[in-house]
Amino acid sequence: MNHDQSRRNFLKLGGAALAAGTVGAAAGATGAAIAGPSGSAAVASGAKASLPKAKGPRLVVVGGGTSGLTIAKYAKREYPKFDVVLVEKRDMYSSCFSSNLWYAGLINLEFLADHSFLDAAKNNDYIYFNATVTGLDRAGRKLITSEGEIDYDFLVLAPGISYDYEKIGVKDPEAVAALRQTYPGGFVSPTEHVSIHRKVREFEGGVFLQTVPSGNYRCLPAPYERACMIASVIKRNKLKGKVLVLDANPEITIKQAGFHAAFDELYKDIIEWRPSSPVTGVDVGKKLVHTEFDAIPFDDAAIYANVRASTLIEKLGLMAPPSKSNQKEANVDTRFYNVAGDLRVYVTGDSRPQPYSKSANTSNTEGHHVARMLAARAQGKEPVWAAPRTICYSMVNAAPMEAISVDAGYDYDAAKDEITGFSKDTRTFEKRDAARGQATLEWARGIYRDMFEA
């Protein structure tokens, strides 16, 4: 990857985080939220959560995705005195990463979902608490959940992303609900993956639409990988159909040479890629997607809207001002992830504003760094910054399995207090081969082991 490519692909974040100020309110389970004295979203006191008494500084981690699971495990390992509680609203785990491979029949559902929150907690000496967060009292250091209040010494919020349908011209709640249920994006909840898997399995021909949003969306290469995997099914089943990729970006956002080669050499008559084609509206009933210039019919679709930080970040009053993030991400320190003005609350993973990739390996390596940083702060030590790493494989051929990959680091400018781009040691491997196809599976298994096993 040359310097110009790095600059084009990199999503820059300008400026330092603002100092904490008055924030919005969040609706809580026990009453109306108000702005607390520290500027936090405070909720009236209620019943305590049914948890054992903390045996040390209590670290509460919200979100059982890649970031949250990694931090829960490794914070305890870095500082055994931590009493760690992982709060997760799901009662079953299934990964978003690797889901594209399921659509093409390269893995089964068990590969994605045969992982237990209970086992992860037991193996790594922390508590899994199945509850939904409804409020936060930063002044009193209380997290409010559907199962009661949890006192914390340190709090990490890793709730992931939400879709921003307004940015693709879908604003009416009824239209949003219809789009979300009929043509899910496939980058938030496990049930979306099940729906898309059924769509691909039952597809009989015509146009299968895959959209690619603008901005720093979750897993930059994933929509292109999905297009390849769906095209491989069309090719294998000898269907009269194609995958139409409507890309809001002027160029494929990452691994351009590898994906262009796959589109041209493997799926020349199956994949149609249209750059600079942002979606401006969707008519679910008529199966039409609108761009600035066209109304395009389709037969089935996975419509990936722009992304924003999880709505929980906004509800808890932790959102950065628009000048710092146009994706409603959290207002945190550039290097150390703590909310501006609060060394007790942190936001990590895909809800943080740093322009790192919103992807599994990034969240995993970032989680290791945040765990070390939390351990240092709990002991009154100065944390040391380290950039996350983005190692990402993309399957482009199903028979035989062949993949391309990227290994990216990031640079920090201390004078500007901002992440300035990919590091000089960033490399892409854009010639597809079977060794990387197999490595794609081993990469995923490695992340699962790192999160769930002892």
Protein backbone atom coordinates (compact mmCIF):
# COMPACT_ATOMS: atom_id res chain seq x y z
CA MET A 1 0.00 0.00 0.00
CA ASN A 2 1.59 3.28 -1.06
CA HIS A 3 1.34 6.59 0.77
CA ASP A 4 -1.30 8.03 -1.57
CA GLN A 5 -3.50 4.94 -1.16
CA SER A 6 -3.09 5.22 2.59
CA ARG A 7 -4.25 8.81 2.58
CA ARG A 8 -7.24 8.08 0.34
CA ASN A 9 -8.40 5.13 2.42
CA PHE A 10 -7.82 6.62 5.82
CA LEU A 11 -10.68 8.34 7.63
CA LYS A 12 -9.14 11.18 9.53
CA LEU A 13 -10.31 12.48 12.86
CA GLY A 14 -9.50 16.13 13.45
CA GLY A 15 -8.79 17.80 16.74
CA ALA A 16 -8.67 16.78 20.35
CA ALA A 17 -11.62 15.78 22.50
CA LEU A 18 -13.59 18.64 24.06
CA ALA A 19 -13.72 19.03 27.79
CA ALA A 20 -16.72 17.41 29.43
CA GLY A 21 -19.80 19.61 29.67
CA THR A 22 -23.54 19.38 30.11
CA VAL A 23 -24.90 16.40 28.20
CA GLY A 24 -28.26 15.05 27.17
CA ALA A 25 -30.49 12.84 29.28
CA ALA A 26 -31.28 9.17 28.94
CA ALA A 27 -34.46 7.38 29.84
CA GLY A 28 -33.93 4.93 32.68
CA ALA A 29 -35.81 1.96 33.97
CA THR A 30 -36.54 3.58 37.32
CA GLY A 31 -37.52 7.06 36.29
CA ALA A 32 -36.69 10.11 34.22
CA ALA A 33 -33.03 10.90 33.68
CA ILE A 34 -31.53 14.27 34.57
CA ALA A 35 -28.16 15.88 33.98
CA GLY A 36 -26.06 15.01 37.00
CA PRO A 37 -23.57 17.35 38.67
CA SER A 38 -20.64 15.91 36.70
CA GLY A 39 -22.48 16.26 33.42
CA SER A 40 -23.46 12.60 33.35
CA ALA A 41 -26.87 11.15 32.61
CA ALA A 42 -28.15 10.37 36.09
CA VAL A 43 -31.08 8.10 36.85
CA ALA A 44 -33.12 7.86 40.03
CA SER A 45 -31.84 5.15 42.37
CA GLY A 46 -33.43 1.73 42.22
CA ALA A 47 -32.78 -1.83 43.30
CA LYS A 48 -29.24 -3.16 43.27
CA ALA A 49 -28.34 -5.79 40.70
CA SER A 50 -28.10 -9.31 42.07
CA LEU A 51 -24.33 -9.64 42.05
CA PRO A 52 -21.76 -10.85 44.61
CA LYS A 53 -20.06 -8.17 46.64
CA ALA A 54 -17.01 -6.86 44.81
CA LYS A 55 -13.76 -8.37 46.05
CA GLY A 56 -11.62 -5.63 44.56
CA PRO A 57 -11.95 -2.59 42.29
CA ARG A 58 -15.03 -3.34 40.20
CA LEU A 59 -14.56 -3.04 36.46
CA VAL A 60 -17.84 -3.18 34.56
CA VAL A 61 -17.62 -3.88 30.83
CA VAL A 62 -20.73 -3.26 28.73
CA GLY A 63 -20.93 -5.21 25.48
CA GLY A 64 -19.99 -8.80 24.71
CA GLY A 65 -18.54 -8.21 21.26
CA THR A 66 -14.89 -8.52 20.33
CA SER A 67 -13.81 -5.43 22.25
CA GLY A 68 -15.77 -6.14 25.42
CA LEU A 69 -14.90 -9.83 25.64
CA THR A 70 -11.19 -9.12 25.10
CA ILE A 71 -11.10 -6.38 27.75
CA ALA A 72 -13.03 -8.44 30.31
CA LYS A 73 -10.56 -11.31 29.97
CA TYR A 74 -7.32 -9.40 29.78
CA ALA A 75 -8.03 -6.67 32.32
CA LYS A 76 -8.43 -9.43 34.88
CA ARG A 77 -5.23 -11.06 33.66
CA GLU A 78 -3.28 -7.78 33.74
CA TYR A 79 -4.58 -6.87 37.20
CA PRO A 80 -5.98 -9.89 39.09
CA LYS A 81 -7.41 -7.66 41.82
CA PHE A 82 -10.04 -6.38 39.39
CA ASP A 83 -13.56 -7.68 40.04
CA VAL A 84 -14.84 -7.82 36.45
CA VAL A 85 -18.50 -7.90 35.40
CA LEU A 86 -19.42 -8.21 31.72
CA VAL A 87 -22.90 -6.79 31.04
CA GLU A 88 -24.41 -8.10 27.80
CA LYS A 89 -28.02 -7.89 26.62
CA ARG A 90 -27.75 -11.01 24.44
CA ASP A 91 -27.99 -14.44 25.99
CA MET A 92 -26.31 -16.14 23.02
CA TYR A 93 -23.20 -15.15 21.10
CA SER A 94 -22.75 -15.16 17.35
CA SER A 95 -20.01 -13.26 15.54
CA CYS A 96 -20.50 -10.78 12.75
CA PHE A 97 -17.00 -11.44 11.47
CA SER A 98 -16.81 -14.51 9.20
CA SER A 99 -20.58 -14.45 8.56
CA ASN A 100 -20.02 -13.88 4.83
CA LEU A 101 -18.42 -17.32 4.62
CA TRP A 102 -21.62 -18.91 5.93
CA TYR A 103 -23.63 -17.48 3.03
CA ALA A 104 -21.40 -19.36 0.58
CA GLY A 105 -21.46 -22.61 2.57
CA LEU A 106 -17.79 -22.47 3.57
CA ILE A 107 -18.62 -22.69 7.28
CA ASN A 108 -21.70 -23.68 9.24
CA LEU A 109 -23.64 -21.63 11.78
CA GLU A 110 -21.90 -23.46 14.60
CA PHE A 111 -18.61 -21.88 13.51
CA LEU A 112 -20.09 -18.44 14.29
CA ALA A 113 -22.23 -19.27 17.30
CA ASP A 114 -20.74 -22.20 19.23
CA HIS A 115 -19.24 -19.89 21.85
CA SER A 116 -20.64 -19.26 25.31
CA PHE A 117 -20.62 -16.07 27.39
CA LEU A 118 -20.91 -18.33 30.45
CA ASP A 119 -17.84 -20.35 29.46
CA ALA A 120 -15.83 -17.22 28.70
CA ALA A 121 -16.61 -15.82 32.17
CA LYS A 122 -15.91 -19.10 33.95
CA ASN A 123 -12.67 -19.73 32.05
CA ASN A 124 -11.35 -16.25 32.75
CA ASP A 125 -12.61 -15.56 36.27
CA TYR A 126 -15.16 -12.82 35.69
CA ILE A 127 -18.97 -12.55 35.87
CA TYR A 128 -21.30 -12.55 32.87
CA PHE A 129 -24.44 -10.54 33.68
CA ASN A 130 -27.32 -10.78 31.20
CA ALA A 131 -28.99 -7.33 31.28
CA THR A 132 -29.71 -4.24 29.19
CA VAL A 133 -28.19 -0.87 30.12
CA THR A 134 -30.81 1.83 30.65
CA GLY A 135 -28.92 4.68 32.31
CA LEU A 136 -25.72 5.95 33.86
CA ASP A 137 -24.96 8.04 36.95
CA ARG A 138 -21.35 9.09 36.53
CA ALA A 139 -21.38 11.26 39.66
CA GLY A 140 -22.42 8.28 41.79
CA ARG A 141 -20.54 5.71 39.68
CA LYS A 142 -23.64 3.64 39.07
CA LEU A 143 -24.60 1.81 35.90
CA ILE A 144 -28.36 1.36 35.59
CA THR A 145 -29.57 -1.85 33.96
CA SER A 146 -32.83 -3.69 33.40
CA GLU A 147 -31.75 -5.97 36.28
CA GLY A 148 -30.77 -3.25 38.75
CA GLU A 149 -27.93 -0.84 39.55
CA ILE A 150 -24.26 -1.82 39.46
CA ASP A 151 -21.66 0.23 41.32
CA TYR A 152 -18.36 0.54 39.48
CA ASP A 153 -14.85 1.79 40.02
CA PHE A 154 -14.12 1.72 36.30
CA LEU A 155 -16.60 1.38 33.43
CA VAL A 156 -15.95 0.38 29.81
CA LEU A 157 -18.66 0.84 27.21
CA ALA A 158 -18.21 -1.25 24.08
CA PRO A 159 -21.74 -1.35 22.59
CA GLY A 160 -20.81 -1.41 18.90
CA ILE A 161 -22.69 0.40 16.15
CA SER A 162 -26.20 1.34 15.09
CA TYR A 163 -27.44 2.08 11.58
CA ASP A 164 -28.02 5.68 10.52
CA TYR A 165 -30.87 5.26 8.02
CA GLU A 166 -31.38 9.00 7.68
CA LYS A 167 -28.11 9.22 5.79
CA ILE A 168 -29.54 7.02 3.02
CA GLY A 169 -32.74 9.03 2.85
CA VAL A 170 -34.94 6.76 4.98
CA LYS A 171 -36.36 8.85 7.81
CA ASP A 172 -39.96 7.83 8.49
CA PRO A 173 -40.09 5.26 11.35
CA GLU A 174 -42.46 3.03 9.39
CA ALA A 175 -40.12 3.05 6.39
CA VAL A 176 -37.10 2.38 8.61
CA ALA A 177 -38.84 -0.60 10.24
CA ALA A 178 -39.82 -2.03 6.85
CA LEU A 179 -36.29 -1.66 5.48
CA ARG A 180 -34.63 -3.04 8.58
CA GLN A 181 -36.82 -6.16 8.56
CA THR A 182 -37.00 -6.78 4.81
CA TYR A 183 -33.49 -5.95 3.60
CA PRO A 184 -31.21 -6.02 6.67
CA GLY A 185 -27.67 -4.74 6.39
CA GLY A 186 -26.11 -7.74 8.11
CA PHE A 187 -23.60 -5.88 10.27
CA VAL A 188 -25.30 -5.52 13.67
CA SER A 189 -27.37 -8.44 14.99
CA PRO A 190 -27.12 -12.21 14.48
CA THR A 191 -30.70 -12.45 13.27
CA GLU A 192 -29.70 -10.33 10.25
CA HIS A 193 -27.18 -12.98 9.27
CA VAL A 194 -29.83 -15.69 9.44
CA SER A 195 -32.12 -13.64 7.22
CA ILE A 196 -29.42 -12.95 4.62
CA HIS A 197 -28.35 -16.60 4.64
CA ARG A 198 -31.93 -17.57 3.79
CA LYS A 199 -32.06 -14.93 1.04
CA VAL A 200 -28.91 -16.30 -0.59
CA ARG A 201 -30.04 -19.90 -0.22
CA GLU A 202 -33.43 -19.17 -1.83
CA PHE A 203 -32.24 -16.74 -4.50
CA GLU A 204 -33.43 -17.94 -7.90
CA GLY A 205 -32.05 -15.20 -10.16
CA GLY A 206 -32.35 -11.55 -11.02
CA VAL A 207 -30.57 -8.73 -9.22
CA PHE A 208 -29.22 -9.14 -5.71
CA LEU A 209 -28.34 -5.67 -4.40
CA GLN A 210 -25.46 -5.05 -2.00
CA THR A 211 -24.85 -1.46 -0.92
CA VAL A 212 -21.65 0.01 0.51
CA PRO A 213 -21.98 3.10 2.75
CA SER A 214 -19.67 6.06 3.04
CA GLY A 215 -17.80 7.02 6.19
CA ASN A 216 -15.97 4.72 8.58
CA TYR A 217 -18.36 1.79 8.46
CA ARG A 218 -17.96 -1.57 10.15
CA CYS A 219 -15.38 -3.72 8.34
CA LEU A 220 -14.39 -1.81 5.21
CA PRO A 221 -13.82 -4.86 2.95
CA ALA A 222 -16.81 -6.88 4.15
CA PRO A 223 -19.48 -5.68 1.66
CA TYR A 224 -17.13 -6.51 -1.23
CA GLU A 225 -16.33 -9.91 0.27
CA ARG A 226 -20.06 -10.56 0.63
CA ALA A 227 -20.60 -9.66 -3.01
CA CYS A 228 -17.97 -12.26 -3.95
CA MET A 229 -19.52 -14.93 -1.76
CA ILE A 230 -23.04 -14.35 -3.12
CA ALA A 231 -21.65 -14.29 -6.66
CA SER A 232 -19.95 -17.63 -5.98
CA VAL A 233 -23.36 -19.13 -5.12
CA ILE A 234 -24.90 -17.69 -8.29
CA LYS A 235 -21.97 -19.12 -10.27
CA ARG A 236 -22.14 -22.55 -8.61
CA ASN A 237 -25.91 -22.83 -9.08
CA LYS A 238 -25.70 -21.52 -12.67
CA LEU A 239 -28.39 -18.93 -12.01
CA LYS A 240 -29.37 -16.13 -14.36
CA GLY A 241 -28.56 -13.43 -11.90
CA LYS A 242 -26.03 -10.84 -10.77
CA VAL A 243 -24.85 -8.97 -7.70
CA LEU A 244 -25.17 -5.21 -8.09
CA VAL A 245 -22.79 -3.38 -5.78
CA LEU A 246 -23.87 0.24 -5.27
CA ASP A 247 -20.84 1.86 -3.67
CA ALA A 248 -21.15 5.31 -2.10
CA ASN A 249 -17.37 5.65 -2.41
CA PRO A 250 -15.44 6.59 -5.56
CA GLU A 251 -13.17 3.57 -5.15
CA ILE A 252 -13.20 0.26 -3.33
CA THR A 253 -12.26 1.31 0.19
CA ILE A 254 -9.52 -1.26 0.90
CA LYS A 255 -7.67 -4.04 -0.99
CA GLN A 256 -8.69 -2.42 -4.28
CA ALA A 257 -6.45 -4.47 -6.56
CA GLY A 258 -7.49 -7.78 -5.02
CA PHE A 259 -11.22 -7.11 -5.20
CA HIS A 260 -11.07 -5.65 -8.71
CA ALA A 261 -9.19 -8.76 -9.84
CA ALA A 262 -11.84 -11.01 -8.30
CA PHE A 263 -14.69 -9.01 -9.84
CA ASP A 264 -13.06 -9.04 -13.29
CA GLU A 265 -11.56 -12.53 -13.35
CA LEU A 266 -13.97 -14.65 -11.31
CA TYR A 267 -17.31 -12.89 -11.61
CA LYS A 268 -17.07 -10.77 -14.77
CA ASP A 269 -20.66 -11.38 -15.84
CA ILE A 270 -22.04 -11.70 -12.28
CA ILE A 271 -20.80 -8.72 -10.23
CA GLU A 272 -21.57 -5.21 -11.40
CA TRP A 273 -19.77 -2.57 -9.31
CA ARG A 274 -20.98 1.03 -9.52
CA PRO A 275 -18.79 3.57 -7.69
CA SER A 276 -19.92 7.00 -6.47
CA SER A 277 -23.50 5.76 -6.12
CA PRO A 278 -24.74 6.64 -2.62
CA VAL A 279 -28.27 5.54 -1.80
CA THR A 280 -30.69 8.45 -1.37
CA GLY A 281 -33.89 6.49 -0.73
CA VAL A 282 -35.45 3.03 -0.70
CA ASP A 283 -38.97 1.95 -1.71
CA VAL A 284 -39.32 -1.38 0.03
CA GLY A 285 -42.73 -2.23 -1.46
CA LYS A 286 -41.68 -1.55 -5.06
CA LYS A 287 -38.17 -3.02 -4.61
CA LEU A 288 -36.52 0.18 -5.80
CA VAL A 289 -33.41 1.88 -4.54
CA HIS A 290 -32.82 5.52 -5.40
CA THR A 291 -29.53 7.25 -6.11
CA GLU A 292 -29.01 10.86 -7.12
CA PHE A 293 -29.55 9.94 -10.77
CA ASP A 294 -31.45 6.62 -10.91
CA ALA A 295 -34.26 4.50 -9.55
CA ILE A 296 -32.84 0.98 -9.65
CA PRO A 297 -35.03 -2.15 -9.39
CA PHE A 298 -33.80 -5.24 -7.57
CA ASP A 299 -35.09 -8.68 -6.65
CA ASP A 300 -33.48 -9.07 -3.24
CA ALA A 301 -30.99 -7.10 -1.22
CA ALA A 302 -28.76 -6.53 1.78
CA ILE A 303 -28.94 -2.76 2.20
CA TYR A 304 -26.11 -1.52 4.38
CA ALA A 305 -26.94 1.94 5.71
CA ASN A 306 -24.33 4.35 7.04
CA VAL A 307 -23.26 3.61 10.57
CA ARG A 308 -23.07 5.63 13.76
CA ALA A 309 -21.99 4.72 17.26
CA SER A 310 -24.50 2.67 19.20
CA THR A 311 -27.48 4.80 20.21
CA LEU A 312 -26.54 3.94 23.81
CA ILE A 313 -23.66 6.42 23.58
CA GLU A 314 -26.08 9.23 22.78
CA LYS A 315 -28.62 8.11 25.39
CA LEU A 316 -25.99 8.13 28.10
CA GLY A 317 -24.86 11.65 27.17
CA LEU A 318 -21.38 10.65 26.02
CA MET A 319 -21.57 11.73 22.37
CA ALA A 320 -18.91 13.98 20.88
CA PRO A 321 -20.01 17.26 19.29
CA PRO A 322 -20.50 17.19 15.50
CA SER A 323 -17.21 19.01 15.00
CA LYS A 324 -15.42 16.00 16.48
CA SER A 325 -17.48 13.16 14.99
CA ASN A 326 -20.10 13.08 12.26
CA GLN A 327 -21.01 9.53 13.21
CA LYS A 328 -22.28 10.29 16.73
CA GLU A 329 -19.33 8.57 18.36
CA ALA A 330 -18.15 9.06 21.93
CA ASN A 331 -16.17 12.04 23.19
CA VAL A 332 -13.01 10.30 24.39
CA ASP A 333 -9.27 10.86 24.77
CA THR A 334 -7.45 10.08 21.52
CA ARG A 335 -4.95 7.68 23.05
CA PHE A 336 -6.50 6.39 26.26
CA TYR A 337 -10.23 6.08 25.49
CA ASN A 338 -11.51 7.71 28.69
CA VAL A 339 -14.51 10.02 28.32
CA ALA A 340 -13.38 13.64 28.28
CA GLY A 341 -12.93 14.79 31.87
CA ASP A 342 -13.63 11.37 33.40
CA LEU A 343 -10.87 8.84 34.11
CA ARG A 344 -13.42 6.27 35.32
CA VAL A 345 -15.46 5.80 32.11
CA TYR A 346 -14.10 4.52 28.78
CA VAL A 347 -15.54 3.84 25.33
CA THR A 348 -13.89 1.30 23.05
CA GLY A 349 -14.54 -0.70 19.92
CA ASP A 350 -16.75 0.60 17.15
CA SER A 351 -18.31 3.42 19.21
CA ARG A 352 -15.00 5.25 19.68
CA PRO A 353 -14.18 8.11 17.27
CA GLN A 354 -10.57 7.27 16.46
CA PRO A 355 -10.28 6.54 12.73
CA TYR A 356 -9.19 2.96 13.23
CA SER A 357 -10.92 0.24 11.27
CA LYS A 358 -14.21 -0.85 12.82
CA SER A 359 -13.34 -4.53 12.61
CA ALA A 360 -12.79 -7.62 14.72
CA ASN A 361 -8.99 -7.79 14.79
CA THR A 362 -8.75 -4.05 15.45
CA SER A 363 -11.11 -4.36 18.41
CA ASN A 364 -9.23 -7.42 19.66
CA THR A 365 -5.76 -5.84 19.59
CA GLU A 366 -7.20 -2.57 20.90
CA GLY A 367 -8.80 -4.54 23.76
CA HIS A 368 -5.40 -5.86 24.83
CA HIS A 369 -4.06 -2.30 24.94
CA VAL A 370 -7.06 -0.96 26.87
CA ALA A 371 -6.79 -3.82 29.38
CA ARG A 372 -3.16 -2.88 30.10
CA MET A 373 -4.08 0.78 30.33
CA LEU A 374 -6.92 0.10 32.80
CA ALA A 375 -4.63 -2.05 34.91
CA ALA A 376 -2.09 0.77 35.03
CA ARG A 377 -4.66 3.38 36.05
CA ALA A 378 -6.15 1.11 38.71
CA GLN A 379 -2.66 0.97 40.26
CA GLY A 380 -2.03 4.69 39.96
CA LYS A 381 0.48 4.27 37.15
CA GLU A 382 0.76 6.26 33.93
CA PRO A 383 -0.60 4.24 30.96
CA VAL A 384 1.45 3.72 27.81
CA TRP A 385 -0.19 4.24 24.41
CA ALA A 386 -0.03 1.58 21.74
CA ALA A 387 -1.80 1.54 18.40
CA PRO A 388 -4.15 -1.33 17.57
CA ARG A 389 -3.39 -3.57 14.62
CA THR A 390 -5.74 -4.40 11.77
CA ILE A 391 -5.09 -7.82 10.28
CA CYS A 392 -8.00 -8.71 8.03
CA TYR A 393 -8.64 -11.53 5.56
CA SER A 394 -11.26 -11.38 2.81
CA MET A 395 -12.45 -14.48 1.00
CA VAL A 396 -12.92 -13.74 -2.69
CA ASN A 397 -13.30 -17.24 -4.13
CA ALA A 398 -15.28 -20.14 -2.69
CA ALA A 399 -14.18 -23.01 -4.96
CA PRO A 400 -11.31 -23.20 -4.28
CA MET A 401 -11.19 -21.07 -1.15
CA GLU A 402 -8.92 -18.11 -1.92
CA ALA A 403 -8.44 -14.91 0.02
CA ILE A 404 -6.60 -11.59 0.11
CA SER A 405 -5.50 -9.74 3.23
CA VAL A 406 -4.17 -6.57 4.86
CA ASP A 407 -1.88 -5.96 7.85
CA ALA A 408 -2.18 -2.33 8.97
CA GLY A 409 -0.85 -0.22 11.81
CA TYR A 410 -1.53 3.41 12.71
CA ASP A 411 0.49 6.54 13.45
CA TYR A 412 -0.12 9.18 16.12
CA ASP A 413 0.88 12.85 15.91
CA ALA A 414 1.47 14.10 19.46
CA ALA A 415 1.56 17.76 18.43
CA LYS A 416 -1.89 17.53 16.86
CA ASP A 417 -3.16 14.83 19.25
CA GLU A 418 -4.62 12.84 16.40
CA ILE A 419 -4.25 9.56 14.58
CA THR A 420 -2.77 10.64 11.26
CA GLY A 421 -2.85 7.58 9.01
CA PHE A 422 -1.68 4.08 8.37
CA SER A 423 1.84 3.33 9.61
CA LYS A 424 4.69 2.77 7.16
CA ASP A 425 4.76 -0.95 7.84
CA THR A 426 1.18 -1.41 6.55
CA ARG A 427 1.03 -4.06 3.84
CA THR A 428 -1.66 -5.50 1.60
CA PHE A 429 -1.58 -8.96 0.03
CA GLU A 430 -3.84 -8.67 -2.96
CA LYS A 431 -2.97 -11.77 -5.00
CA ARG A 432 -5.57 -14.30 -3.94
CA ASP A 433 -4.36 -17.75 -2.96
CA ALA A 434 -5.45 -20.90 -1.14
CA ALA A 435 -3.02 -20.40 1.75
CA ARG A 436 -4.79 -17.17 2.68
CA GLY A 437 -8.12 -18.90 2.17
CA GLN A 438 -7.21 -21.36 4.90
CA ALA A 439 -5.66 -18.60 6.99
CA THR A 440 -9.02 -16.78 6.94
CA LEU A 441 -10.55 -19.62 8.97
CA GLU A 442 -7.56 -19.86 11.31
CA TRP A 443 -7.64 -16.08 11.86
CA ALA A 444 -11.25 -16.32 13.07
CA ARG A 445 -10.56 -19.36 15.26
CA GLY A 446 -7.67 -17.47 16.83
CA ILE A 447 -9.89 -14.56 17.83
CA TYR A 448 -12.51 -16.93 19.26
CA ARG A 449 -9.85 -18.67 21.33
CA ASP A 450 -8.48 -15.37 22.54
CA MET A 451 -11.91 -14.21 23.75
CA PHE A 452 -13.49 -17.37 25.11
CA GLU A 453 -10.79 -19.80 26.24
CA ALA A 454 -8.61 -19.56 29.33
